[in-house]
Amino acid sequence: MYSSEQKLILETQVCKSKKQLRIFSSSPYSNVRSSVAKNPYTDSETLNKLAFDCVARVSYWALKNNKCTKKRILRSEDLEHKCVICKIDESLFFKECQQCCN
């Protein structure tokens, strides 16, 4: 059974609607927002907002998206944290990260 967060992550990964992705980008779940940042259909305006997210992982992936036009230098402490730059798919976090973070 999926949690509401997991369901939202799966929805963002297949979403092609810029409007819906913009709505998802305001999710209280950072994993949902980072999934939006990775989605190739997310527009520049949404990515530019996510580039300044309070969660470094979200900002990192927004800045890595080619459609993001804003620039920001993340703190070196953030980039050294393995969870920020982790390439594991958000939908797998609930299984994979239990092993990595413990």
PDB file of N, CA and C in Angstrom:
ATOM      1  N   MET A   1       0.848  -1.185   0.000  1.00  0.00           N
ATOM      2  CA  MET A   1       0.000   0.000   0.000  1.00  0.00           C
ATOM      3  C   MET A   1       0.891   1.244   0.000  1.00  0.00           C
ATOM      4  N   TYR A   2       0.568   2.182  -0.845  1.00  0.00           N
ATOM      5  CA  TYR A   2       1.346   3.405  -0.957  1.00  0.00           C
ATOM      6  C   TYR A   2       0.834   4.474  -0.007  1.00  0.00           C
ATOM      7  N   SER A   3       1.753   5.284   0.512  1.00  0.00           N
ATOM      8  CA  SER A   3       1.363   6.442   1.320  1.00  0.00           C
ATOM      9  C   SER A   3       0.925   7.550   0.369  1.00  0.00           C
ATOM     10  N   SER A   4       0.338   8.591   0.906  1.00  0.00           N
ATOM     11  CA  SER A   4      -0.080   9.713   0.059  1.00  0.00           C
ATOM     12  C   SER A   4       1.129  10.378  -0.595  1.00  0.00           C
ATOM     13  N   GLU A   5       2.258  10.421   0.117  1.00  0.00           N
ATOM     14  CA  GLU A   5       3.473  10.993  -0.451  1.00  0.00           C
ATOM     15  C   GLU A   5       3.961  10.154  -1.633  1.00  0.00           C
ATOM     16  N   GLN A   6       3.975   8.840  -1.474  1.00  0.00           N
ATOM     17  CA  GLN A   6       4.414   7.958  -2.548  1.00  0.00           C
ATOM     18  C   GLN A   6       3.506   8.088  -3.778  1.00  0.00           C
ATOM     19  N   LYS A   7       2.217   8.199  -3.550  1.00  0.00           N
ATOM     20  CA  LYS A   7       1.271   8.369  -4.662  1.00  0.00           C
ATOM     21  C   LYS A   7       1.562   9.660  -5.417  1.00  0.00           C
ATOM     22  N   LEU A   8       1.813  10.728  -4.686  1.00  0.00           N
ATOM     23  CA  LEU A   8       2.122  12.013  -5.326  1.00  0.00           C
ATOM     24  C   LEU A   8       3.420  11.943  -6.131  1.00  0.00           C
ATOM     25  N   ILE A   9       4.419  11.256  -5.594  1.00  0.00           N
ATOM     26  CA  ILE A   9       5.694  11.102  -6.301  1.00  0.00           C
ATOM     27  C   ILE A   9       5.462  10.381  -7.624  1.00  0.00           C
ATOM     28  N   LEU A  10       4.718   9.289  -7.579  1.00  0.00           N
ATOM     29  CA  LEU A  10       4.434   8.533  -8.799  1.00  0.00           C
ATOM     30  C   LEU A  10       3.657   9.384  -9.812  1.00  0.00           C
ATOM     31  N   GLU A  11       2.737  10.199  -9.331  1.00  0.00           N
ATOM     32  CA  GLU A  11       1.981  11.090 -10.214  1.00  0.00           C
ATOM     33  C   GLU A  11       2.893  12.130 -10.864  1.00  0.00           C
ATOM     34  N   THR A  12       3.801  12.693 -10.092  1.00  0.00           N
ATOM     35  CA  THR A  12       4.683  13.732 -10.658  1.00  0.00           C
ATOM     36  C   THR A  12       5.622  13.148 -11.704  1.00  0.00           C
ATOM     37  N   GLN A  13       5.988  11.904 -11.549  1.00  0.00           N
ATOM     38  CA  GLN A  13       6.935  11.291 -12.481  1.00  0.00           C
ATOM     39  C   GLN A  13       6.345  11.056 -13.861  1.00  0.00           C
ATOM     40  N   VAL A  14       5.046  10.898 -13.949  1.00  0.00           N
ATOM     41  CA  VAL A  14       4.408  10.665 -15.255  1.00  0.00           C
ATOM     42  C   VAL A  14       3.630  11.880 -15.767  1.00  0.00           C
ATOM     43  N   CYS A  15       3.569  12.910 -14.955  1.00  0.00           N
ATOM     44  CA  CYS A  15       2.794  14.104 -15.298  1.00  0.00           C
ATOM     45  C   CYS A  15       3.440  14.873 -16.463  1.00  0.00           C
ATOM     46  N   LYS A  16       2.589  15.326 -17.398  1.00  0.00           N
ATOM     47  CA  LYS A  16       3.049  16.131 -18.526  1.00  0.00           C
ATOM     48  C   LYS A  16       2.413  17.520 -18.524  1.00  0.00           C
ATOM     49  N   SER A  17       1.560  17.762 -17.560  1.00  0.00           N
ATOM     50  CA  SER A  17       0.847  19.039 -17.468  1.00  0.00           C
ATOM     51  C   SER A  17       1.657  20.064 -16.671  1.00  0.00           C
ATOM     52  N   LYS A  18       2.029  21.155 -17.321  1.00  0.00           N
ATOM     53  CA  LYS A  18       2.783  22.206 -16.631  1.00  0.00           C
ATOM     54  C   LYS A  18       1.988  22.767 -15.466  1.00  0.00           C
ATOM     55  N   LYS A  19       0.696  22.911 -15.677  1.00  0.00           N
ATOM     56  CA  LYS A  19      -0.170  23.459 -14.625  1.00  0.00           C
ATOM     57  C   LYS A  19      -0.191  22.528 -13.406  1.00  0.00           C
ATOM     58  N   GLN A  20      -0.341  21.235 -13.640  1.00  0.00           N
ATOM     59  CA  GLN A  20      -0.376  20.280 -12.532  1.00  0.00           C
ATOM     60  C   GLN A  20       0.980  20.189 -11.843  1.00  0.00           C
ATOM     61  N   LEU A  21       2.054  20.233 -12.623  1.00  0.00           N
ATOM     62  CA  LEU A  21       3.393  20.208 -12.031  1.00  0.00           C
ATOM     63  C   LEU A  21       3.631  21.437 -11.155  1.00  0.00           C
ATOM     64  N   ARG A  22       3.085  22.570 -11.566  1.00  0.00           N
ATOM     65  CA  ARG A  22       3.193  23.794 -10.759  1.00  0.00           C
ATOM     66  C   ARG A  22       2.493  23.594  -9.414  1.00  0.00           C
ATOM     67  N   ILE A  23       1.346  22.922  -9.443  1.00  0.00           N
ATOM     68  CA  ILE A  23       0.609  22.633  -8.208  1.00  0.00           C
ATOM     69  C   ILE A  23       1.415  21.672  -7.328  1.00  0.00           C
ATOM     70  N   PHE A  24       1.958  20.614  -7.945  1.00  0.00           N
ATOM     71  CA  PHE A  24       2.783  19.661  -7.199  1.00  0.00           C
ATOM     72  C   PHE A  24       4.014  20.333  -6.581  1.00  0.00           C
ATOM     73  N   SER A  25       4.519  21.362  -7.223  1.00  0.00           N
ATOM     74  CA  SER A  25       5.733  22.029  -6.726  1.00  0.00           C
ATOM     75  C   SER A  25       5.518  22.727  -5.386  1.00  0.00           C
ATOM     76  N   SER A  26       4.275  22.878  -4.974  1.00  0.00           N
ATOM     77  CA  SER A  26       3.960  23.487  -3.675  1.00  0.00           C
ATOM     78  C   SER A  26       3.674  22.441  -2.604  1.00  0.00           C
ATOM     79  N   SER A  27       3.936  21.189  -2.918  1.00  0.00           N
ATOM     80  CA  SER A  27       3.675  20.108  -1.967  1.00  0.00           C
ATOM     81  C   SER A  27       4.486  20.301  -0.690  1.00  0.00           C
ATOM     82  N   PRO A  28       3.927  19.904   0.446  1.00  0.00           N
ATOM     83  CA  PRO A  28       4.705  19.961   1.692  1.00  0.00           C
ATOM     84  C   PRO A  28       5.801  18.890   1.737  1.00  0.00           C
ATOM     85  N   TYR A  29       5.746  17.930   0.821  1.00  0.00           N
ATOM     86  CA  TYR A  29       6.727  16.851   0.780  1.00  0.00           C
ATOM     87  C   TYR A  29       7.901  17.236  -0.129  1.00  0.00           C
ATOM     88  N   SER A  30       9.088  17.291   0.431  1.00  0.00           N
ATOM     89  CA  SER A  30      10.264  17.660  -0.367  1.00  0.00           C
ATOM     90  C   SER A  30      10.562  16.633  -1.455  1.00  0.00           C
ATOM     91  N   ASN A  31      10.251  15.368  -1.216  1.00  0.00           N
ATOM     92  CA  ASN A  31      10.479  14.344  -2.239  1.00  0.00           C
ATOM     93  C   ASN A  31       9.581  14.558  -3.460  1.00  0.00           C
ATOM     94  N   VAL A  32       8.405  15.063  -3.237  1.00  0.00           N
ATOM     95  CA  VAL A  32       7.500  15.392  -4.347  1.00  0.00           C
ATOM     96  C   VAL A  32       8.074  16.577  -5.121  1.00  0.00           C
ATOM     97  N   ARG A  33       8.543  17.585  -4.396  1.00  0.00           N
ATOM     98  CA  ARG A  33       9.096  18.767  -5.067  1.00  0.00           C
ATOM     99  C   ARG A  33      10.358  18.421  -5.852  1.00  0.00           C
ATOM    100  N   SER A  34      11.215  17.543  -5.319  1.00  0.00           N
ATOM    101  CA  SER A  34      12.426  17.170  -6.069  1.00  0.00           C
ATOM    102  C   SER A  34      12.054  16.332  -7.294  1.00  0.00           C
ATOM    103  N   SER A  35      10.988  15.554  -7.195  1.00  0.00           N
ATOM    104  CA  SER A  35      10.499  14.803  -8.351  1.00  0.00           C
ATOM    105  C   SER A  35       9.991  15.757  -9.433  1.00  0.00           C
ATOM    106  N   VAL A  36       9.328  16.823  -9.023  1.00  0.00           N
ATOM    107  CA  VAL A  36       8.884  17.856  -9.968  1.00  0.00           C
ATOM    108  C   VAL A  36      10.102  18.502 -10.630  1.00  0.00           C
ATOM    109  N   ALA A  37      11.132  18.759  -9.853  1.00  0.00           N
ATOM    110  CA  ALA A  37      12.344  19.391 -10.387  1.00  0.00           C
ATOM    111  C   ALA A  37      13.017  18.520 -11.446  1.00  0.00           C
ATOM    112  N   LYS A  38      12.881  17.216 -11.334  1.00  0.00           N
ATOM    113  CA  LYS A  38      13.487  16.295 -12.292  1.00  0.00           C
ATOM    114  C   LYS A  38      12.615  16.049 -13.527  1.00  0.00           C
ATOM    115  N   ASN A  39      11.352  16.396 -13.444  1.00  0.00           N
ATOM    116  CA  ASN A  39      10.422  16.109 -14.542  1.00  0.00           C
ATOM    117  C   ASN A  39      10.745  16.981 -15.759  1.00  0.00           C
ATOM    118  N   PRO A  40      10.918  16.384 -16.945  1.00  0.00           N
ATOM    119  CA  PRO A  40      11.270  17.159 -18.140  1.00  0.00           C
ATOM    120  C   PRO A  40      10.161  18.091 -18.636  1.00  0.00           C
ATOM    121  N   TYR A  41       8.951  17.918 -18.129  1.00  0.00           N
ATOM    122  CA  TYR A  41       7.834  18.775 -18.544  1.00  0.00           C
ATOM    123  C   TYR A  41       7.623  19.982 -17.621  1.00  0.00           C
ATOM    124  N   THR A  42       8.399  20.066 -16.558  1.00  0.00           N
ATOM    125  CA  THR A  42       8.278  21.202 -15.644  1.00  0.00           C
ATOM    126  C   THR A  42       8.802  22.453 -16.334  1.00  0.00           C
ATOM    127  N   ASP A  43       8.051  23.537 -16.249  1.00  0.00           N
ATOM    128  CA  ASP A  43       8.446  24.773 -16.942  1.00  0.00           C
ATOM    129  C   ASP A  43       9.496  25.570 -16.160  1.00  0.00           C
ATOM    130  N   SER A  44      10.114  26.500 -16.852  1.00  0.00           N
ATOM    131  CA  SER A  44      11.187  27.319 -16.271  1.00  0.00           C
ATOM    132  C   SER A  44      10.738  28.093 -15.039  1.00  0.00           C
ATOM    133  N   GLU A  45       9.553  28.646 -15.101  1.00  0.00           N
ATOM    134  CA  GLU A  45       9.059  29.441 -13.970  1.00  0.00           C
ATOM    135  C   GLU A  45       9.000  28.598 -12.685  1.00  0.00           C
ATOM    136  N   THR A  46       8.490  27.390 -12.806  1.00  0.00           N
ATOM    137  CA  THR A  46       8.397  26.498 -11.648  1.00  0.00           C
ATOM    138  C   THR A  46       9.785  26.077 -11.177  1.00  0.00           C
ATOM    139  N   LEU A  47      10.660  25.745 -12.115  1.00  0.00           N
ATOM    140  CA  LEU A  47      12.024  25.351 -11.758  1.00  0.00           C
ATOM    141  C   LEU A  47      12.790  26.492 -11.099  1.00  0.00           C
ATOM    142  N   ASN A  48      12.595  27.699 -11.585  1.00  0.00           N
ATOM    143  CA  ASN A  48      13.271  28.856 -10.994  1.00  0.00           C
ATOM    144  C   ASN A  48      12.841  29.065  -9.546  1.00  0.00           C
ATOM    145  N   LYS A  49      11.591  28.788  -9.265  1.00  0.00           N
ATOM    146  CA  LYS A  49      11.095  28.873  -7.887  1.00  0.00           C
ATOM    147  C   LYS A  49      11.722  27.752  -7.040  1.00  0.00           C
ATOM    148  N   LEU A  50      11.745  26.536  -7.592  1.00  0.00           N
ATOM    149  CA  LEU A  50      12.301  25.395  -6.857  1.00  0.00           C
ATOM    150  C   LEU A  50      13.806  25.528  -6.638  1.00  0.00           C
ATOM    151  N   ALA A  51      14.476  26.284  -7.472  1.00  0.00           N
ATOM    152  CA  ALA A  51      15.925  26.494  -7.318  1.00  0.00           C
ATOM    153  C   ALA A  51      16.249  27.171  -5.986  1.00  0.00           C
ATOM    154  N   PHE A  52      15.275  27.839  -5.402  1.00  0.00           N
ATOM    155  CA  PHE A  52      15.470  28.529  -4.121  1.00  0.00           C
ATOM    156  C   PHE A  52      14.646  27.892  -3.003  1.00  0.00           C
ATOM    157  N   ASP A  53      14.331  26.615  -3.169  1.00  0.00           N
ATOM    158  CA  ASP A  53      13.579  25.864  -2.164  1.00  0.00           C
ATOM    159  C   ASP A  53      14.385  25.803  -0.861  1.00  0.00           C
ATOM    160  N   CYS A  54      13.701  25.671   0.250  1.00  0.00           N
ATOM    161  CA  CYS A  54      14.385  25.599   1.545  1.00  0.00           C
ATOM    162  C   CYS A  54      15.086  24.258   1.758  1.00  0.00           C
ATOM    163  N   VAL A  55      14.785  23.261   0.934  1.00  0.00           N
ATOM    164  CA  VAL A  55      15.434  21.953   1.029  1.00  0.00           C
ATOM    165  C   VAL A  55      16.491  21.863  -0.074  1.00  0.00           C
ATOM    166  N   ALA A  56      17.727  21.640   0.334  1.00  0.00           N
ATOM    167  CA  ALA A  56      18.858  21.648  -0.613  1.00  0.00           C
ATOM    168  C   ALA A  56      18.695  20.631  -1.734  1.00  0.00           C
ATOM    169  N   ARG A  57      18.153  19.469  -1.446  1.00  0.00           N
ATOM    170  CA  ARG A  57      17.962  18.447  -2.485  1.00  0.00           C
ATOM    171  C   ARG A  57      17.043  18.949  -3.600  1.00  0.00           C
ATOM    172  N   VAL A  58      15.980  19.638  -3.235  1.00  0.00           N
ATOM    173  CA  VAL A  58      15.042  20.185  -4.228  1.00  0.00           C
ATOM    174  C   VAL A  58      15.761  21.228  -5.085  1.00  0.00           C
ATOM    175  N   SER A  59      16.450  22.143  -4.432  1.00  0.00           N
ATOM    176  CA  SER A  59      17.197  23.185  -5.158  1.00  0.00           C
ATOM    177  C   SER A  59      18.225  22.573  -6.091  1.00  0.00           C
ATOM    178  N   TYR A  60      18.953  21.581  -5.610  1.00  0.00           N
ATOM    179  CA  TYR A  60      19.999  20.932  -6.399  1.00  0.00           C
ATOM    180  C   TYR A  60      19.433  20.392  -7.713  1.00  0.00           C
ATOM    181  N   TRP A  61      18.336  19.640  -7.625  1.00  0.00           N
ATOM    182  CA  TRP A  61      17.769  19.036  -8.838  1.00  0.00           C
ATOM    183  C   TRP A  61      17.097  20.055  -9.738  1.00  0.00           C
ATOM    184  N   ALA A  62      16.544  21.109  -9.184  1.00  0.00           N
ATOM    185  CA  ALA A  62      15.982  22.178 -10.022  1.00  0.00           C
ATOM    186  C   ALA A  62      17.100  22.860 -10.809  1.00  0.00           C
ATOM    187  N   LEU A  63      18.198  23.140 -10.139  1.00  0.00           N
ATOM    188  CA  LEU A  63      19.343  23.793 -10.792  1.00  0.00           C
ATOM    189  C   LEU A  63      19.979  22.904 -11.856  1.00  0.00           C
ATOM    190  N   LYS A  64      19.881  21.590 -11.694  1.00  0.00           N
ATOM    191  CA  LYS A  64      20.431  20.644 -12.667  1.00  0.00           C
ATOM    192  C   LYS A  64      19.552  20.512 -13.919  1.00  0.00           C
ATOM    193  N   ASN A  65      18.292  20.919 -13.805  1.00  0.00           N
ATOM    194  CA  ASN A  65      17.368  20.826 -14.938  1.00  0.00           C
ATOM    195  C   ASN A  65      17.723  21.905 -15.964  1.00  0.00           C
ATOM    196  N   ASN A  66      17.837  21.528 -17.229  1.00  0.00           N
ATOM    197  CA  ASN A  66      18.239  22.466 -18.295  1.00  0.00           C
ATOM    198  C   ASN A  66      17.287  23.639 -18.481  1.00  0.00           C
ATOM    199  N   LYS A  67      16.047  23.491 -18.039  1.00  0.00           N
ATOM    200  CA  LYS A  67      15.068  24.572 -18.203  1.00  0.00           C
ATOM    201  C   LYS A  67      15.172  25.644 -17.120  1.00  0.00           C
ATOM    202  N   CYS A  68      15.915  25.379 -16.084  1.00  0.00           N
ATOM    203  CA  CYS A  68      16.082  26.358 -15.008  1.00  0.00           C
ATOM    204  C   CYS A  68      16.993  27.481 -15.497  1.00  0.00           C
ATOM    205  N   THR A  69      16.536  28.717 -15.391  1.00  0.00           N
ATOM    206  CA  THR A  69      17.320  29.857 -15.870  1.00  0.00           C
ATOM    207  C   THR A  69      17.964  30.647 -14.738  1.00  0.00           C
ATOM    208  N   LYS A  70      17.636  30.320 -13.512  1.00  0.00           N
ATOM    209  CA  LYS A  70      18.234  30.994 -12.355  1.00  0.00           C
ATOM    210  C   LYS A  70      19.521  30.284 -11.966  1.00  0.00           C
ATOM    211  N   LYS A  71      20.405  31.023 -11.407  1.00  0.00           N
ATOM    212  CA  LYS A  71      21.660  30.471 -10.911  1.00  0.00           C
ATOM    213  C   LYS A  71      21.732  30.673  -9.407  1.00  0.00           C
ATOM    214  N   ARG A  72      22.293  29.692  -8.756  1.00  0.00           N
ATOM    215  CA  ARG A  72      22.444  29.766  -7.310  1.00  0.00           C
ATOM    216  C   ARG A  72      23.591  28.847  -6.926  1.00  0.00           C
ATOM    217  N   ILE A  73      24.405  29.276  -6.029  1.00  0.00           N
ATOM    218  CA  ILE A  73      25.488  28.440  -5.537  1.00  0.00           C
ATOM    219  C   ILE A  73      25.040  27.852  -4.203  1.00  0.00           C
ATOM    220  N   LEU A  74      24.972  26.534  -4.178  1.00  0.00           N
ATOM    221  CA  LEU A  74      24.597  25.866  -2.937  1.00  0.00           C
ATOM    222  C   LEU A  74      25.798  25.794  -2.006  1.00  0.00           C
ATOM    223  N   ARG A  75      25.549  25.800  -0.735  1.00  0.00           N
ATOM    224  CA  ARG A  75      26.630  25.722   0.257  1.00  0.00           C
ATOM    225  C   ARG A  75      27.373  24.393   0.105  1.00  0.00           C
ATOM    226  N   SER A  76      28.652  24.420   0.300  1.00  0.00           N
ATOM    227  CA  SER A  76      29.452  23.198   0.165  1.00  0.00           C
ATOM    228  C   SER A  76      28.998  22.130   1.159  1.00  0.00           C
ATOM    229  N   GLU A  77      28.531  22.544   2.328  1.00  0.00           N
ATOM    230  CA  GLU A  77      28.036  21.584   3.313  1.00  0.00           C
ATOM    231  C   GLU A  77      26.839  20.813   2.769  1.00  0.00           C
ATOM    232  N   ASP A  78      25.997  21.512   1.998  1.00  0.00           N
ATOM    233  CA  ASP A  78      24.833  20.850   1.410  1.00  0.00           C
ATOM    234  C   ASP A  78      25.256  19.837   0.362  1.00  0.00           C
ATOM    235  N   LEU A  79      26.206  20.217  -0.469  1.00  0.00           N
ATOM    236  CA  LEU A  79      26.655  19.328  -1.543  1.00  0.00           C
ATOM    237  C   LEU A  79      27.431  18.123  -1.032  1.00  0.00           C
ATOM    238  N   GLU A  80      27.971  18.229   0.165  1.00  0.00           N
ATOM    239  CA  GLU A  80      28.700  17.108   0.752  1.00  0.00           C
ATOM    240  C   GLU A  80      27.761  16.068   1.362  1.00  0.00           C
ATOM    241  N   HIS A  81      26.528  16.459   1.595  1.00  0.00           N
ATOM    242  CA  HIS A  81      25.560  15.523   2.175  1.00  0.00           C
ATOM    243  C   HIS A  81      25.086  14.562   1.090  1.00  0.00           C
ATOM    244  N   LYS A  82      25.278  13.275   1.307  1.00  0.00           N
ATOM    245  CA  LYS A  82      24.991  12.282   0.265  1.00  0.00           C
ATOM    246  C   LYS A  82      23.521  12.259  -0.175  1.00  0.00           C
ATOM    247  N   CYS A  83      22.605  12.646   0.675  1.00  0.00           N
ATOM    248  CA  CYS A  83      21.186  12.635   0.299  1.00  0.00           C
ATOM    249  C   CYS A  83      20.836  13.756  -0.686  1.00  0.00           C
ATOM    250  N   VAL A  84      21.582  14.836  -0.650  1.00  0.00           N
ATOM    251  CA  VAL A  84      21.301  15.962  -1.549  1.00  0.00           C
ATOM    252  C   VAL A  84      21.576  15.578  -2.991  1.00  0.00           C
ATOM    253  N   ILE A  85      22.679  14.928  -3.230  1.00  0.00           N
ATOM    254  CA  ILE A  85      23.082  14.611  -4.605  1.00  0.00           C
ATOM    255  C   ILE A  85      22.745  13.172  -5.015  1.00  0.00           C
ATOM    256  N   CYS A  86      22.046  12.452  -4.171  1.00  0.00           N
ATOM    257  CA  CYS A  86      21.671  11.071  -4.450  1.00  0.00           C
ATOM    258  C   CYS A  86      20.800  10.988  -5.700  1.00  0.00           C
ATOM    259  N   LYS A  87      21.104  10.013  -6.551  1.00  0.00           N
ATOM    260  CA  LYS A  87      20.377   9.855  -7.815  1.00  0.00           C
ATOM    261  C   LYS A  87      19.248   8.831  -7.722  1.00  0.00           C
ATOM    262  N   ILE A  88      19.020   8.279  -6.556  1.00  0.00           N
ATOM    263  CA  ILE A  88      17.949   7.291  -6.413  1.00  0.00           C
ATOM    264  C   ILE A  88      16.606   7.953  -6.677  1.00  0.00           C
ATOM    265  N   ASP A  89      15.804   7.277  -7.451  1.00  0.00           N
ATOM    266  CA  ASP A  89      14.459   7.732  -7.787  1.00  0.00           C
ATOM    267  C   ASP A  89      13.644   7.941  -6.503  1.00  0.00           C
ATOM    268  N   GLU A  90      12.938   9.044  -6.429  1.00  0.00           N
ATOM    269  CA  GLU A  90      12.156   9.368  -5.224  1.00  0.00           C
ATOM    270  C   GLU A  90      11.146   8.282  -4.867  1.00  0.00           C
ATOM    271  N   SER A  91      10.621   7.600  -5.867  1.00  0.00           N
ATOM    272  CA  SER A  91       9.635   6.552  -5.583  1.00  0.00           C
ATOM    273  C   SER A  91      10.270   5.341  -4.884  1.00  0.00           C
ATOM    274  N   LEU A  92      11.595   5.251  -4.919  1.00  0.00           N
ATOM    275  CA  LEU A  92      12.303   4.147  -4.271  1.00  0.00           C
ATOM    276  C   LEU A  92      12.911   4.533  -2.924  1.00  0.00           C
ATOM    277  N   PHE A  93      12.811   5.792  -2.549  1.00  0.00           N
ATOM    278  CA  PHE A  93      13.401   6.263  -1.292  1.00  0.00           C
ATOM    279  C   PHE A  93      12.966   5.436  -0.090  1.00  0.00           C
ATOM    280  N   PHE A  94      11.715   5.095  -0.070  1.00  0.00           N
ATOM    281  CA  PHE A  94      11.167   4.430   1.112  1.00  0.00           C
ATOM    282  C   PHE A  94      11.766   3.039   1.321  1.00  0.00           C
ATOM    283  N   LYS A  95      12.319   2.453   0.260  1.00  0.00           N
ATOM    284  CA  LYS A  95      12.988   1.154   0.373  1.00  0.00           C
ATOM    285  C   LYS A  95      14.500   1.329   0.440  1.00  0.00           C
ATOM    286  N   GLU A  96      15.043   2.055  -0.503  1.00  0.00           N
ATOM    287  CA  GLU A  96      16.491   2.186  -0.660  1.00  0.00           C
ATOM    288  C   GLU A  96      17.164   2.996   0.446  1.00  0.00           C
ATOM    289  N   CYS A  97      16.564   4.079   0.833  1.00  0.00           N
ATOM    290  CA  CYS A  97      17.214   4.994   1.779  1.00  0.00           C
ATOM    291  C   CYS A  97      17.269   4.450   3.196  1.00  0.00           C
ATOM    292  N   GLN A  98      16.445   3.490   3.498  1.00  0.00           N
ATOM    293  CA  GLN A  98      16.500   2.891   4.826  1.00  0.00           C
ATOM    294  C   GLN A  98      17.878   2.248   5.037  1.00  0.00           C
ATOM    295  N   GLN A  99      18.421   1.667   3.984  1.00  0.00           N
ATOM    296  CA  GLN A  99      19.717   1.008   4.071  1.00  0.00           C
ATOM    297  C   GLN A  99      20.846   2.037   4.073  1.00  0.00           C
ATOM    298  N   CYS A 100      20.732   3.045   3.241  1.00  0.00           N
ATOM    299  CA  CYS A 100      21.798   4.031   3.065  1.00  0.00           C
ATOM    300  C   CYS A 100      21.948   4.948   4.278  1.00  0.00           C
ATOM    301  N   CYS A 101      20.860   5.388   4.830  1.00  0.00           N
ATOM    302  CA  CYS A 101      20.900   6.403   5.888  1.00  0.00           C
ATOM    303  C   CYS A 101      21.087   5.829   7.291  1.00  0.00           C
ATOM    304  N   ASN A 102      20.994   4.550   7.427  1.00  0.00           N
ATOM    305  CA  ASN A 102      21.158   3.962   8.766  1.00  0.00           C
ATOM    306  C   ASN A 102      22.567   3.496   9.011  1.00  0.00           C
TER     307      ASN A 102
END
